[in-house]
Amino acid sequence: MSATQEPAVPTRSAAAGAAKFAGSDSRKFNYFTPKGRKASHYEDMTVDVQPDPKRYLLQDWIISFADGTPTYSESWTAAKSSDWHVFRAVDQEWERMIANVVENGRRSGAVKRFDPAWLRVLQDHLGAYKHAEFGLGMATMQAQRYGYTQMINNAVLTNSSYKLRFAQDLTLYLGEIGMDLEGFDQDAGKAHWMDDPVWQGVRRAVETIGGATDYLEQYFAVNVVFEPLVAELFRSGFIMQVAASQNDFMTPAVVSAAEGDYERNLANAVELFRILVLDETHGQANREVFNGWLEKHGTEAVNAGNLLQPIWSQPRVKITQFADVAEQSHNRLRAIGAEVGLDVRSVLGS
């Protein structure tokens, strides 16, 4: 079959056909343009595994929903792109494992040396925080279905799997250490998540993300907004900094997995949103959309972070101040905003 030039508008036809594309005359069947000098294994396995009439096929989508919406639609987000297929996930991975430190800690009796006030913090507040991670995992799980390309879907799905896995890690971890302690209440975290005023801002922010109908808005809200202003604030600014002074060297090892996960998720998110902001045709419109999302979710996230302040006073040994940690989280948002080209003043005020 001879290759023909791709038409400007896909032709509806029952006959299969192929448009001319990068590498169509190559014996190696390199059907896409690699990001680097040669295609990576990740690109070979991920790029264009789903069809797209705008790229290779002469006919339009052959399967659509009842209202005429195709299998994948560019209308599922307010953001626009001249070429959605430019995106490549920076982490280039889709599965990973983390080491389990609980067995060694329990064998050495480490949990019984934790400060009693700190154990109460883990029971009540780390137990509550796992529900936030689960909520974000469910939001990104829903979002990944609507990504226009498989590369975007994979990045968002990986994000979801990290979140759901970490929520499970926290559940298992708290369950394990609770086995060695009398009176450790496994249900306390849920009670604080549902009723404690300290956590209601976080709960509202997570539910607002989950209720968004634009899949890129959900991905944006999780990684650009919620993570620096709430998740890192609690994980890095509290758990990771305070635990050692409470004789707890186990919890940071568990929580550090989420810190590494976020760096990968953030790298992917920044890559995608920078591409969309720098799009020659749609860049300015995308920037306005993203700034709207930033203001909407940033207001919720700042409020959520502020409501968490009382937790910093609960450990017996206090080594960090909430105001200092909050400023660090704001600087993190400023840095992310600078990378993506966003105006964070609507959220932070300066």
C-alpha atoms as a PDB file:
ATOM      1  CA  MET A   1       0.000   0.000   0.000  1.00  0.00           C
ATOM      2  CA  SER A   2       1.441   3.359  -0.957  1.00  0.00           C
ATOM      3  CA  ALA A   3       1.561   6.091   1.643  1.00  0.00           C
ATOM      4  CA  THR A   4      -0.423   9.239   0.963  1.00  0.00           C
ATOM      5  CA  GLN A   5      -0.207  12.720   2.411  1.00  0.00           C
ATOM      6  CA  GLU A   6      -2.269  13.187   5.562  1.00  0.00           C
ATOM      7  CA  PRO A   7      -5.446  15.142   4.766  1.00  0.00           C
ATOM      8  CA  ALA A   8      -6.204  18.332   6.698  1.00  0.00           C
ATOM      9  CA  VAL A   9      -9.481  16.835   7.901  1.00  0.00           C
ATOM     10  CA  PRO A  10      -9.796  13.072   8.539  1.00  0.00           C
ATOM     11  CA  THR A  11     -11.909  11.311   5.924  1.00  0.00           C
ATOM     12  CA  ARG A  12     -14.700   9.154   7.237  1.00  0.00           C
ATOM     13  CA  SER A  13     -14.285   5.767   5.695  1.00  0.00           C
ATOM     14  CA  ALA A  14     -14.584   2.123   6.565  1.00  0.00           C
ATOM     15  CA  ALA A  15     -11.321   1.466   4.742  1.00  0.00           C
ATOM     16  CA  ALA A  16      -8.089   1.466   6.717  1.00  0.00           C
ATOM     17  CA  GLY A  17      -5.273   3.626   5.458  1.00  0.00           C
ATOM     18  CA  ALA A  18      -2.073   5.271   6.577  1.00  0.00           C
ATOM     19  CA  ALA A  19      -0.954   8.865   6.195  1.00  0.00           C
ATOM     20  CA  LYS A  20       2.656   9.803   5.564  1.00  0.00           C
ATOM     21  CA  PHE A  21       4.509  10.142   8.850  1.00  0.00           C
ATOM     22  CA  ALA A  22       8.021  10.383  10.275  1.00  0.00           C
ATOM     23  CA  GLY A  23       9.935   7.255   9.322  1.00  0.00           C
ATOM     24  CA  SER A  24       7.248   5.882   7.014  1.00  0.00           C
ATOM     25  CA  ASP A  25       9.935   5.104   4.424  1.00  0.00           C
ATOM     26  CA  SER A  26      12.266   3.509   6.961  1.00  0.00           C
ATOM     27  CA  ARG A  27      12.899  -0.223   7.123  1.00  0.00           C
ATOM     28  CA  LYS A  28      13.012   0.138  10.917  1.00  0.00           C
ATOM     29  CA  PHE A  29       9.409   1.414  11.048  1.00  0.00           C
ATOM     30  CA  ASN A  30      10.331   4.425  13.179  1.00  0.00           C
ATOM     31  CA  TYR A  31       6.872   5.957  12.972  1.00  0.00           C
ATOM     32  CA  PHE A  32       7.442   8.914  15.328  1.00  0.00           C
ATOM     33  CA  THR A  33      10.052  11.587  15.908  1.00  0.00           C
ATOM     34  CA  PRO A  34      12.121  10.684  19.011  1.00  0.00           C
ATOM     35  CA  LYS A  35      12.789  13.353  21.618  1.00  0.00           C
ATOM     36  CA  GLY A  36      16.502  12.528  21.545  1.00  0.00           C
ATOM     37  CA  ARG A  37      18.854  11.336  18.822  1.00  0.00           C
ATOM     38  CA  LYS A  38      17.317   7.864  18.896  1.00  0.00           C
ATOM     39  CA  ALA A  39      14.137   6.405  20.295  1.00  0.00           C
ATOM     40  CA  SER A  40      14.258   5.179  23.874  1.00  0.00           C
ATOM     41  CA  HIS A  41      12.703   1.899  25.002  1.00  0.00           C
ATOM     42  CA  TYR A  42      10.053   3.976  26.793  1.00  0.00           C
ATOM     43  CA  GLU A  43       9.122   5.752  23.535  1.00  0.00           C
ATOM     44  CA  ASP A  44       9.035   2.505  21.565  1.00  0.00           C
ATOM     45  CA  MET A  45       6.631   1.008  24.100  1.00  0.00           C
ATOM     46  CA  THR A  46       4.468   4.079  24.730  1.00  0.00           C
ATOM     47  CA  VAL A  47       4.229   6.524  21.830  1.00  0.00           C
ATOM     48  CA  ASP A  48       1.055   6.217  19.787  1.00  0.00           C
ATOM     49  CA  VAL A  49      -0.103   2.849  21.028  1.00  0.00           C
ATOM     50  CA  GLN A  50      -3.599   4.204  20.508  1.00  0.00           C
ATOM     51  CA  PRO A  51      -4.582   5.507  17.039  1.00  0.00           C
ATOM     52  CA  ASP A  52      -5.105   9.156  16.202  1.00  0.00           C
ATOM     53  CA  PRO A  53      -6.784  10.198  12.928  1.00  0.00           C
ATOM     54  CA  LYS A  54      -4.870  13.488  13.006  1.00  0.00           C
ATOM     55  CA  ARG A  55      -1.570  11.644  12.665  1.00  0.00           C
ATOM     56  CA  TYR A  56      -1.576   8.341  10.822  1.00  0.00           C
ATOM     57  CA  LEU A  57      -5.037   7.153   9.803  1.00  0.00           C
ATOM     58  CA  LEU A  58      -6.997   8.218   6.751  1.00  0.00           C
ATOM     59  CA  GLN A  59     -10.347   7.360   8.284  1.00  0.00           C
ATOM     60  CA  ASP A  60     -11.844   9.085  11.314  1.00  0.00           C
ATOM     61  CA  TRP A  61     -12.430   7.326  14.634  1.00  0.00           C
ATOM     62  CA  ILE A  62     -14.254   4.071  13.948  1.00  0.00           C
ATOM     63  CA  ILE A  63     -15.619   3.801  17.521  1.00  0.00           C
ATOM     64  CA  SER A  64     -17.461   6.646  19.249  1.00  0.00           C
ATOM     65  CA  PHE A  65     -19.754   7.191  22.212  1.00  0.00           C
ATOM     66  CA  ALA A  66     -23.506   7.524  21.611  1.00  0.00           C
ATOM     67  CA  ASP A  67     -23.313  11.326  21.421  1.00  0.00           C
ATOM     68  CA  GLY A  68     -20.617  11.190  18.740  1.00  0.00           C
ATOM     69  CA  THR A  69     -17.665  11.828  21.077  1.00  0.00           C
ATOM     70  CA  PRO A  70     -14.704   9.739  19.837  1.00  0.00           C
ATOM     71  CA  THR A  71     -12.741   7.237  21.866  1.00  0.00           C
ATOM     72  CA  TYR A  72     -10.258   9.964  22.815  1.00  0.00           C
ATOM     73  CA  SER A  73     -11.246  13.612  22.555  1.00  0.00           C
ATOM     74  CA  GLU A  74      -9.287  16.846  22.742  1.00  0.00           C
ATOM     75  CA  SER A  75     -12.415  18.464  24.203  1.00  0.00           C
ATOM     76  CA  TRP A  76     -11.964  16.702  27.539  1.00  0.00           C
ATOM     77  CA  THR A  77      -9.781  19.538  28.835  1.00  0.00           C
ATOM     78  CA  ALA A  78      -9.879  23.323  28.495  1.00  0.00           C
ATOM     79  CA  ALA A  79      -6.168  23.302  27.579  1.00  0.00           C
ATOM     80  CA  LYS A  80      -5.268  23.173  23.887  1.00  0.00           C
ATOM     81  CA  SER A  81      -2.222  21.849  22.071  1.00  0.00           C
ATOM     82  CA  SER A  82      -0.942  22.016  18.533  1.00  0.00           C
ATOM     83  CA  ASP A  83       0.467  18.517  19.053  1.00  0.00           C
ATOM     84  CA  TRP A  84      -0.421  16.535  22.167  1.00  0.00           C
ATOM     85  CA  HIS A  85       2.062  13.838  21.152  1.00  0.00           C
ATOM     86  CA  VAL A  86       5.086  16.040  21.896  1.00  0.00           C
ATOM     87  CA  PHE A  87       4.873  15.141  25.600  1.00  0.00           C
ATOM     88  CA  ARG A  88       7.214  12.474  26.963  1.00  0.00           C
ATOM     89  CA  ALA A  89       7.106  11.560  30.668  1.00  0.00           C
ATOM     90  CA  VAL A  90      10.391  12.624  32.232  1.00  0.00           C
ATOM     91  CA  ASP A  91      10.527   9.667  34.621  1.00  0.00           C
ATOM     92  CA  GLN A  92       9.999   7.147  31.781  1.00  0.00           C
ATOM     93  CA  GLU A  93       8.757   4.440  34.121  1.00  0.00           C
ATOM     94  CA  TRP A  94       5.498   2.734  34.949  1.00  0.00           C
ATOM     95  CA  GLU A  95       6.268   0.547  37.959  1.00  0.00           C
ATOM     96  CA  ARG A  96       8.641   0.517  40.935  1.00  0.00           C
ATOM     97  CA  MET A  97       9.079  -1.009  44.409  1.00  0.00           C
ATOM     98  CA  ILE A  98      10.121   0.426  47.764  1.00  0.00           C
ATOM     99  CA  ALA A  99      11.973  -1.249  50.613  1.00  0.00           C
ATOM    100  CA  ASN A 100       9.997  -2.190  53.712  1.00  0.00           C
ATOM    101  CA  VAL A 101      11.646  -1.037  56.956  1.00  0.00           C
ATOM    102  CA  VAL A 102       8.941  -2.190  59.356  1.00  0.00           C
ATOM    103  CA  GLU A 103      10.230  -5.715  59.933  1.00  0.00           C
ATOM    104  CA  ASN A 104      13.674  -4.596  61.067  1.00  0.00           C
ATOM    105  CA  GLY A 105      12.225  -1.859  63.242  1.00  0.00           C
ATOM    106  CA  ARG A 106       9.823  -4.197  64.973  1.00  0.00           C
ATOM    107  CA  ARG A 107      12.546  -6.796  65.482  1.00  0.00           C
ATOM    108  CA  SER A 108      14.686  -4.240  67.304  1.00  0.00           C
ATOM    109  CA  GLY A 109      11.779  -2.907  69.375  1.00  0.00           C
ATOM    110  CA  ALA A 110      12.169   0.579  67.903  1.00  0.00           C
ATOM    111  CA  VAL A 111       8.492   1.476  68.169  1.00  0.00           C
ATOM    112  CA  LYS A 112       8.465   1.194  71.952  1.00  0.00           C
ATOM    113  CA  ARG A 113      11.157   3.881  72.098  1.00  0.00           C
ATOM    114  CA  PHE A 114       9.002   6.431  70.238  1.00  0.00           C
ATOM    115  CA  ASP A 115       7.980   9.401  72.388  1.00  0.00           C
ATOM    116  CA  PRO A 116       4.391   8.774  73.641  1.00  0.00           C
ATOM    117  CA  ALA A 117       3.167  12.179  72.406  1.00  0.00           C
ATOM    118  CA  TRP A 118       4.588  11.384  68.987  1.00  0.00           C
ATOM    119  CA  LEU A 119       2.761   8.073  68.857  1.00  0.00           C
ATOM    120  CA  ARG A 120      -0.465  10.001  69.368  1.00  0.00           C
ATOM    121  CA  VAL A 121       0.469  12.280  66.457  1.00  0.00           C
ATOM    122  CA  LEU A 122       1.082   9.267  64.206  1.00  0.00           C
ATOM    123  CA  GLN A 123      -2.182   7.654  65.309  1.00  0.00           C
ATOM    124  CA  ASP A 124      -4.334  10.745  64.825  1.00  0.00           C
ATOM    125  CA  HIS A 125      -2.708  12.808  62.097  1.00  0.00           C
ATOM    126  CA  LEU A 126      -0.585  10.527  59.935  1.00  0.00           C
ATOM    127  CA  GLY A 127      -3.641   8.264  60.115  1.00  0.00           C
ATOM    128  CA  ALA A 128      -5.773  11.138  58.840  1.00  0.00           C
ATOM    129  CA  TYR A 129      -3.316  12.137  56.111  1.00  0.00           C
ATOM    130  CA  LYS A 130      -3.469   8.724  54.437  1.00  0.00           C
ATOM    131  CA  HIS A 131      -7.047   9.582  53.418  1.00  0.00           C
ATOM    132  CA  ALA A 132      -5.764  12.637  51.522  1.00  0.00           C
ATOM    133  CA  GLU A 133      -3.316  10.476  49.578  1.00  0.00           C
ATOM    134  CA  PHE A 134      -6.091   8.009  48.778  1.00  0.00           C
ATOM    135  CA  GLY A 135      -8.372  10.815  47.581  1.00  0.00           C
ATOM    136  CA  LEU A 136      -5.682  12.213  45.280  1.00  0.00           C
ATOM    137  CA  GLY A 137      -5.008   8.722  43.972  1.00  0.00           C
ATOM    138  CA  MET A 138      -8.673   8.261  43.106  1.00  0.00           C
ATOM    139  CA  ALA A 139      -8.827  11.681  41.417  1.00  0.00           C
ATOM    140  CA  THR A 140      -5.838  10.930  39.185  1.00  0.00           C
ATOM    141  CA  MET A 141      -7.162   7.443  38.525  1.00  0.00           C
ATOM    142  CA  GLN A 142     -10.300   9.033  37.085  1.00  0.00           C
ATOM    143  CA  ALA A 143      -8.289  11.684  35.239  1.00  0.00           C
ATOM    144  CA  GLN A 144      -5.996   9.271  33.400  1.00  0.00           C
ATOM    145  CA  ARG A 145      -8.835   7.818  31.339  1.00  0.00           C
ATOM    146  CA  TYR A 146      -9.380  11.086  29.513  1.00  0.00           C
ATOM    147  CA  GLY A 147      -5.825  11.978  28.477  1.00  0.00           C
ATOM    148  CA  TYR A 148      -5.659  12.456  24.721  1.00  0.00           C
ATOM    149  CA  THR A 149      -2.451  10.457  24.279  1.00  0.00           C
ATOM    150  CA  GLN A 150      -1.120   7.319  25.865  1.00  0.00           C
ATOM    151  CA  MET A 151       1.991   9.164  27.090  1.00  0.00           C
ATOM    152  CA  ILE A 152      -0.192  11.558  29.096  1.00  0.00           C
ATOM    153  CA  ASN A 153      -2.402   8.709  30.310  1.00  0.00           C
ATOM    154  CA  ASN A 154       0.610   6.716  31.492  1.00  0.00           C
ATOM    155  CA  ALA A 155       2.099   9.664  33.391  1.00  0.00           C
ATOM    156  CA  VAL A 156      -1.193  10.390  35.165  1.00  0.00           C
ATOM    157  CA  LEU A 157      -1.851   6.703  35.852  1.00  0.00           C
ATOM    158  CA  THR A 158       1.626   6.296  37.339  1.00  0.00           C
ATOM    159  CA  ASN A 159       0.883   9.332  39.513  1.00  0.00           C
ATOM    160  CA  SER A 160      -2.303   7.622  40.683  1.00  0.00           C
ATOM    161  CA  SER A 161      -0.568   4.330  41.420  1.00  0.00           C
ATOM    162  CA  TYR A 162       2.052   6.118  43.552  1.00  0.00           C
ATOM    163  CA  LYS A 163      -0.649   7.856  45.569  1.00  0.00           C
ATOM    164  CA  LEU A 164      -2.756   4.755  46.140  1.00  0.00           C
ATOM    165  CA  ARG A 165       0.305   2.704  47.006  1.00  0.00           C
ATOM    166  CA  PHE A 166       1.491   5.285  49.535  1.00  0.00           C
ATOM    167  CA  ALA A 167      -1.946   5.426  51.164  1.00  0.00           C
ATOM    168  CA  GLN A 168      -1.754   1.653  51.477  1.00  0.00           C
ATOM    169  CA  ASP A 169       1.815   1.862  52.816  1.00  0.00           C
ATOM    170  CA  LEU A 170       0.681   4.213  55.583  1.00  0.00           C
ATOM    171  CA  THR A 171      -2.254   1.963  56.445  1.00  0.00           C
ATOM    172  CA  LEU A 172      -0.024  -1.105  56.682  1.00  0.00           C
ATOM    173  CA  TYR A 173       2.697   0.764  58.563  1.00  0.00           C
ATOM    174  CA  LEU A 174       0.350   2.125  61.212  1.00  0.00           C
ATOM    175  CA  GLY A 175      -1.231  -1.312  61.507  1.00  0.00           C
ATOM    176  CA  GLU A 176       2.168  -2.940  62.040  1.00  0.00           C
ATOM    177  CA  ILE A 177       3.410  -0.556  64.705  1.00  0.00           C
ATOM    178  CA  GLY A 178       0.003  -0.671  66.403  1.00  0.00           C
ATOM    179  CA  MET A 179       0.461  -4.399  66.926  1.00  0.00           C
ATOM    180  CA  ASP A 180       3.322  -3.656  69.338  1.00  0.00           C
ATOM    181  CA  LEU A 181       1.492  -1.002  71.348  1.00  0.00           C
ATOM    182  CA  GLU A 182      -1.387  -1.167  73.802  1.00  0.00           C
ATOM    183  CA  GLY A 183      -4.226   1.260  73.127  1.00  0.00           C
ATOM    184  CA  PHE A 184      -3.117   2.290  69.639  1.00  0.00           C
ATOM    185  CA  ASP A 185      -6.383   3.202  67.899  1.00  0.00           C
ATOM    186  CA  GLN A 186      -6.370   2.208  64.233  1.00  0.00           C
ATOM    187  CA  ASP A 187      -9.628   4.050  63.596  1.00  0.00           C
ATOM    188  CA  ALA A 188      -8.520   7.378  65.039  1.00  0.00           C
ATOM    189  CA  GLY A 189      -7.148   8.644  61.726  1.00  0.00           C
ATOM    190  CA  LYS A 190     -10.472   8.268  59.966  1.00  0.00           C
ATOM    191  CA  ALA A 191     -12.284   9.989  62.831  1.00  0.00           C
ATOM    192  CA  HIS A 192      -9.919  12.976  62.609  1.00  0.00           C
ATOM    193  CA  TRP A 193     -10.250  13.070  58.818  1.00  0.00           C
ATOM    194  CA  MET A 194     -14.038  13.168  59.076  1.00  0.00           C
ATOM    195  CA  ASP A 195     -14.564  15.449  62.083  1.00  0.00           C
ATOM    196  CA  ASP A 196     -11.417  17.212  63.297  1.00  0.00           C
ATOM    197  CA  PRO A 197     -11.527  20.923  62.236  1.00  0.00           C
ATOM    198  CA  VAL A 198      -7.754  20.747  61.655  1.00  0.00           C
ATOM    199  CA  TRP A 199      -8.310  18.405  58.692  1.00  0.00           C
ATOM    200  CA  GLN A 200     -11.484  19.827  57.162  1.00  0.00           C
ATOM    201  CA  GLY A 201      -9.593  22.258  54.901  1.00  0.00           C
ATOM    202  CA  VAL A 202      -7.504  19.403  53.523  1.00  0.00           C
ATOM    203  CA  ARG A 203     -10.597  17.309  53.050  1.00  0.00           C
ATOM    204  CA  ARG A 204     -12.343  20.128  51.196  1.00  0.00           C
ATOM    205  CA  ALA A 205      -9.308  20.699  48.945  1.00  0.00           C
ATOM    206  CA  VAL A 206      -9.062  16.990  48.065  1.00  0.00           C
ATOM    207  CA  GLU A 207     -12.792  16.721  47.374  1.00  0.00           C
ATOM    208  CA  THR A 208     -12.657  19.842  45.190  1.00  0.00           C
ATOM    209  CA  ILE A 209      -9.936  18.188  43.101  1.00  0.00           C
ATOM    210  CA  GLY A 210     -11.925  14.970  42.899  1.00  0.00           C
ATOM    211  CA  GLY A 211     -15.011  16.885  41.776  1.00  0.00           C
ATOM    212  CA  ALA A 212     -13.283  18.634  38.869  1.00  0.00           C
ATOM    213  CA  THR A 213     -14.466  17.456  35.448  1.00  0.00           C
ATOM    214  CA  ASP A 214     -11.366  18.487  33.475  1.00  0.00           C
ATOM    215  CA  TYR A 215      -8.707  15.769  33.676  1.00  0.00           C
ATOM    216  CA  LEU A 216      -5.797  18.185  33.259  1.00  0.00           C
ATOM    217  CA  GLU A 217      -7.250  20.417  35.955  1.00  0.00           C
ATOM    218  CA  GLN A 218      -7.101  17.451  38.324  1.00  0.00           C
ATOM    219  CA  TYR A 219      -3.519  16.615  37.324  1.00  0.00           C
ATOM    220  CA  PHE A 220      -2.547  20.294  37.657  1.00  0.00           C
ATOM    221  CA  ALA A 221      -4.277  20.747  41.019  1.00  0.00           C
ATOM    222  CA  VAL A 222      -2.575  17.694  42.524  1.00  0.00           C
ATOM    223  CA  ASN A 223       1.004  18.359  41.431  1.00  0.00           C
ATOM    224  CA  VAL A 224       1.290  22.101  40.920  1.00  0.00           C
ATOM    225  CA  VAL A 225      -0.926  23.240  43.811  1.00  0.00           C
ATOM    226  CA  PHE A 226      -1.847  20.694  46.488  1.00  0.00           C
ATOM    227  CA  GLU A 227       1.491  18.931  46.781  1.00  0.00           C
ATOM    228  CA  PRO A 228       3.660  21.982  47.589  1.00  0.00           C
ATOM    229  CA  LEU A 229       1.063  23.807  49.693  1.00  0.00           C
ATOM    230  CA  VAL A 230      -0.345  20.896  51.696  1.00  0.00           C
ATOM    231  CA  ALA A 231       1.270  17.496  51.091  1.00  0.00           C
ATOM    232  CA  GLU A 232       4.913  18.588  51.281  1.00  0.00           C
ATOM    233  CA  LEU A 233       4.014  20.971  54.087  1.00  0.00           C
ATOM    234  CA  PHE A 234       2.878  18.017  56.210  1.00  0.00           C
ATOM    235  CA  ARG A 235       5.236  15.304  54.953  1.00  0.00           C
ATOM    236  CA  SER A 236       8.490  17.268  54.608  1.00  0.00           C
ATOM    237  CA  GLY A 237       7.815  20.177  56.909  1.00  0.00           C
ATOM    238  CA  PHE A 238       6.494  18.118  59.787  1.00  0.00           C
ATOM    239  CA  ILE A 239       6.897  14.332  59.677  1.00  0.00           C
ATOM    240  CA  MET A 240      10.344  14.247  58.052  1.00  0.00           C
ATOM    241  CA  GLN A 241      11.761  17.061  60.196  1.00  0.00           C
ATOM    242  CA  VAL A 242      10.272  16.201  63.575  1.00  0.00           C
ATOM    243  CA  ALA A 243      10.338  12.381  63.705  1.00  0.00           C
ATOM    244  CA  ALA A 244      14.004  11.860  64.580  1.00  0.00           C
ATOM    245  CA  SER A 245      13.765  14.088  67.638  1.00  0.00           C
ATOM    246  CA  GLN A 246      10.963  11.814  68.884  1.00  0.00           C
ATOM    247  CA  ASN A 247      13.230   8.716  68.659  1.00  0.00           C
ATOM    248  CA  ASP A 248      11.445   7.732  65.457  1.00  0.00           C
ATOM    249  CA  PHE A 249      13.725   6.715  62.613  1.00  0.00           C
ATOM    250  CA  MET A 250      11.193   4.391  60.981  1.00  0.00           C
ATOM    251  CA  THR A 251       8.419   6.754  59.868  1.00  0.00           C
ATOM    252  CA  PRO A 252      10.711   9.000  57.749  1.00  0.00           C
ATOM    253  CA  ALA A 253      11.880   5.934  55.828  1.00  0.00           C
ATOM    254  CA  VAL A 254       8.264   5.138  54.919  1.00  0.00           C
ATOM    255  CA  VAL A 255       7.237   8.724  54.176  1.00  0.00           C
ATOM    256  CA  SER A 256      10.374   9.443  52.118  1.00  0.00           C
ATOM    257  CA  ALA A 257       8.982   7.202  49.373  1.00  0.00           C
ATOM    258  CA  ALA A 258       6.234   9.749  48.768  1.00  0.00           C
ATOM    259  CA  GLU A 259       8.810  12.541  48.596  1.00  0.00           C
ATOM    260  CA  GLY A 260      10.641  10.726  45.809  1.00  0.00           C
ATOM    261  CA  ASP A 261       7.368   9.927  44.057  1.00  0.00           C
ATOM    262  CA  TYR A 262       6.426  13.596  44.003  1.00  0.00           C
ATOM    263  CA  GLU A 263       9.700  14.676  42.423  1.00  0.00           C
ATOM    264  CA  ARG A 264       8.977  12.327  39.512  1.00  0.00           C
ATOM    265  CA  ASN A 265       5.332  13.357  39.269  1.00  0.00           C
ATOM    266  CA  LEU A 266       6.277  17.039  39.395  1.00  0.00           C
ATOM    267  CA  ALA A 267       8.881  16.632  36.657  1.00  0.00           C
ATOM    268  CA  ASN A 268       6.262  15.058  34.394  1.00  0.00           C
ATOM    269  CA  ALA A 269       3.650  17.709  35.208  1.00  0.00           C
ATOM    270  CA  VAL A 270       6.052  20.613  34.614  1.00  0.00           C
ATOM    271  CA  GLU A 271       7.113  19.096  31.293  1.00  0.00           C
ATOM    272  CA  LEU A 272       3.511  18.828  30.089  1.00  0.00           C
ATOM    273  CA  PHE A 273       2.284  22.223  31.287  1.00  0.00           C
ATOM    274  CA  ARG A 274       5.383  24.012  29.961  1.00  0.00           C
ATOM    275  CA  ILE A 275       4.729  22.497  26.543  1.00  0.00           C
ATOM    276  CA  LEU A 276       1.149  23.753  26.656  1.00  0.00           C
ATOM    277  CA  VAL A 277       2.098  27.228  27.900  1.00  0.00           C
ATOM    278  CA  LEU A 278       4.776  27.565  25.188  1.00  0.00           C
ATOM    279  CA  ASP A 279       2.477  26.320  22.423  1.00  0.00           C
ATOM    280  CA  GLU A 280       2.765  28.851  19.595  1.00  0.00           C
ATOM    281  CA  THR A 281      -0.952  28.765  18.856  1.00  0.00           C
ATOM    282  CA  HIS A 282      -2.606  28.118  22.215  1.00  0.00           C
ATOM    283  CA  GLY A 283       0.041  29.128  24.767  1.00  0.00           C
ATOM    284  CA  GLN A 284      -1.517  32.358  26.016  1.00  0.00           C
ATOM    285  CA  ALA A 285      -4.993  30.857  26.303  1.00  0.00           C
ATOM    286  CA  ASN A 286      -3.561  27.891  28.193  1.00  0.00           C
ATOM    287  CA  ARG A 287      -1.731  30.216  30.587  1.00  0.00           C
ATOM    288  CA  GLU A 288      -5.016  31.939  31.400  1.00  0.00           C
ATOM    289  CA  VAL A 289      -6.718  28.590  31.992  1.00  0.00           C
ATOM    290  CA  PHE A 290      -3.904  27.414  34.269  1.00  0.00           C
ATOM    291  CA  ASN A 291      -3.881  30.645  36.261  1.00  0.00           C
ATOM    292  CA  GLY A 292      -7.614  30.173  36.806  1.00  0.00           C
ATOM    293  CA  TRP A 293      -7.015  26.651  38.100  1.00  0.00           C
ATOM    294  CA  LEU A 294      -4.199  27.962  40.293  1.00  0.00           C
ATOM    295  CA  GLU A 295      -6.404  30.554  41.929  1.00  0.00           C
ATOM    296  CA  LYS A 296      -9.280  28.114  42.431  1.00  0.00           C
ATOM    297  CA  HIS A 297      -7.284  25.293  43.990  1.00  0.00           C
ATOM    298  CA  GLY A 298      -4.568  27.474  45.513  1.00  0.00           C
ATOM    299  CA  THR A 299      -7.074  29.312  47.702  1.00  0.00           C
ATOM    300  CA  GLU A 300      -8.334  25.979  49.041  1.00  0.00           C
ATOM    301  CA  ALA A 301      -4.805  24.634  49.548  1.00  0.00           C
ATOM    302  CA  VAL A 302      -3.467  27.672  51.420  1.00  0.00           C
ATOM    303  CA  ASN A 303      -6.447  27.552  53.758  1.00  0.00           C
ATOM    304  CA  ALA A 304      -5.974  23.807  54.239  1.00  0.00           C
ATOM    305  CA  GLY A 305      -2.312  24.260  55.107  1.00  0.00           C
ATOM    306  CA  ASN A 306      -3.041  27.014  57.617  1.00  0.00           C
ATOM    307  CA  LEU A 307      -5.611  24.876  59.404  1.00  0.00           C
ATOM    308  CA  LEU A 308      -2.943  22.212  60.008  1.00  0.00           C
ATOM    309  CA  GLN A 309      -0.867  24.594  62.148  1.00  0.00           C
ATOM    310  CA  PRO A 310      -1.976  23.201  65.565  1.00  0.00           C
ATOM    311  CA  ILE A 311      -0.330  19.850  64.752  1.00  0.00           C
ATOM    312  CA  TRP A 312       3.132  21.468  64.984  1.00  0.00           C
ATOM    313  CA  SER A 313       2.571  22.137  68.697  1.00  0.00           C
ATOM    314  CA  GLN A 314       1.666  18.549  69.626  1.00  0.00           C
ATOM    315  CA  PRO A 315       5.069  16.772  69.740  1.00  0.00           C
ATOM    316  CA  ARG A 316       6.807  17.059  73.107  1.00  0.00           C
ATOM    317  CA  VAL A 317      10.107  18.020  71.467  1.00  0.00           C
ATOM    318  CA  LYS A 318       9.553  20.958  69.101  1.00  0.00           C
ATOM    319  CA  ILE A 319      12.287  21.637  66.563  1.00  0.00           C
ATOM    320  CA  THR A 320      10.480  23.515  63.795  1.00  0.00           C
ATOM    321  CA  GLN A 321       8.038  26.402  63.508  1.00  0.00           C
ATOM    322  CA  PHE A 322       4.952  26.266  61.310  1.00  0.00           C
ATOM    323  CA  ALA A 323       5.554  29.778  59.937  1.00  0.00           C
ATOM    324  CA  ASP A 324       8.992  28.769  58.630  1.00  0.00           C
ATOM    325  CA  VAL A 325       7.665  25.611  56.992  1.00  0.00           C
ATOM    326  CA  ALA A 326       4.711  27.460  55.453  1.00  0.00           C
ATOM    327  CA  GLU A 327       7.073  29.988  53.881  1.00  0.00           C
ATOM    328  CA  GLN A 328       9.123  27.136  52.429  1.00  0.00           C
ATOM    329  CA  SER A 329       5.971  25.672  50.874  1.00  0.00           C
ATOM    330  CA  HIS A 330       5.093  29.061  49.381  1.00  0.00           C
ATOM    331  CA  ASN A 331       8.595  29.357  47.922  1.00  0.00           C
ATOM    332  CA  ARG A 332       8.180  25.899  46.416  1.00  0.00           C
ATOM    333  CA  LEU A 333       4.999  27.057  44.672  1.00  0.00           C
ATOM    334  CA  ARG A 334       6.796  30.182  43.449  1.00  0.00           C
ATOM    335  CA  ALA A 335       9.551  28.028  41.958  1.00  0.00           C
ATOM    336  CA  ILE A 336       7.049  25.732  40.234  1.00  0.00           C
ATOM    337  CA  GLY A 337       5.112  28.738  38.971  1.00  0.00           C
ATOM    338  CA  ALA A 338       8.282  30.220  37.493  1.00  0.00           C
ATOM    339  CA  GLU A 339       9.026  26.974  35.650  1.00  0.00           C
ATOM    340  CA  VAL A 340       5.539  26.719  34.172  1.00  0.00           C
ATOM    341  CA  GLY A 341       5.052  30.464  33.634  1.00  0.00           C
ATOM    342  CA  LEU A 342       2.265  31.070  36.155  1.00  0.00           C
ATOM    343  CA  ASP A 343       1.382  34.078  38.291  1.00  0.00           C
ATOM    344  CA  VAL A 344       1.203  32.846  41.898  1.00  0.00           C
ATOM    345  CA  ARG A 345       0.396  36.260  43.359  1.00  0.00           C
ATOM    346  CA  SER A 346      -3.330  35.558  43.209  1.00  0.00           C
ATOM    347  CA  VAL A 347      -2.700  32.755  45.747  1.00  0.00           C
ATOM    348  CA  LEU A 348       0.247  33.966  47.837  1.00  0.00           C
ATOM    349  CA  GLY A 349      -0.284  37.719  47.546  1.00  0.00           C
ATOM    350  CA  SER A 350       3.327  38.495  46.588  1.00  0.00           C
END
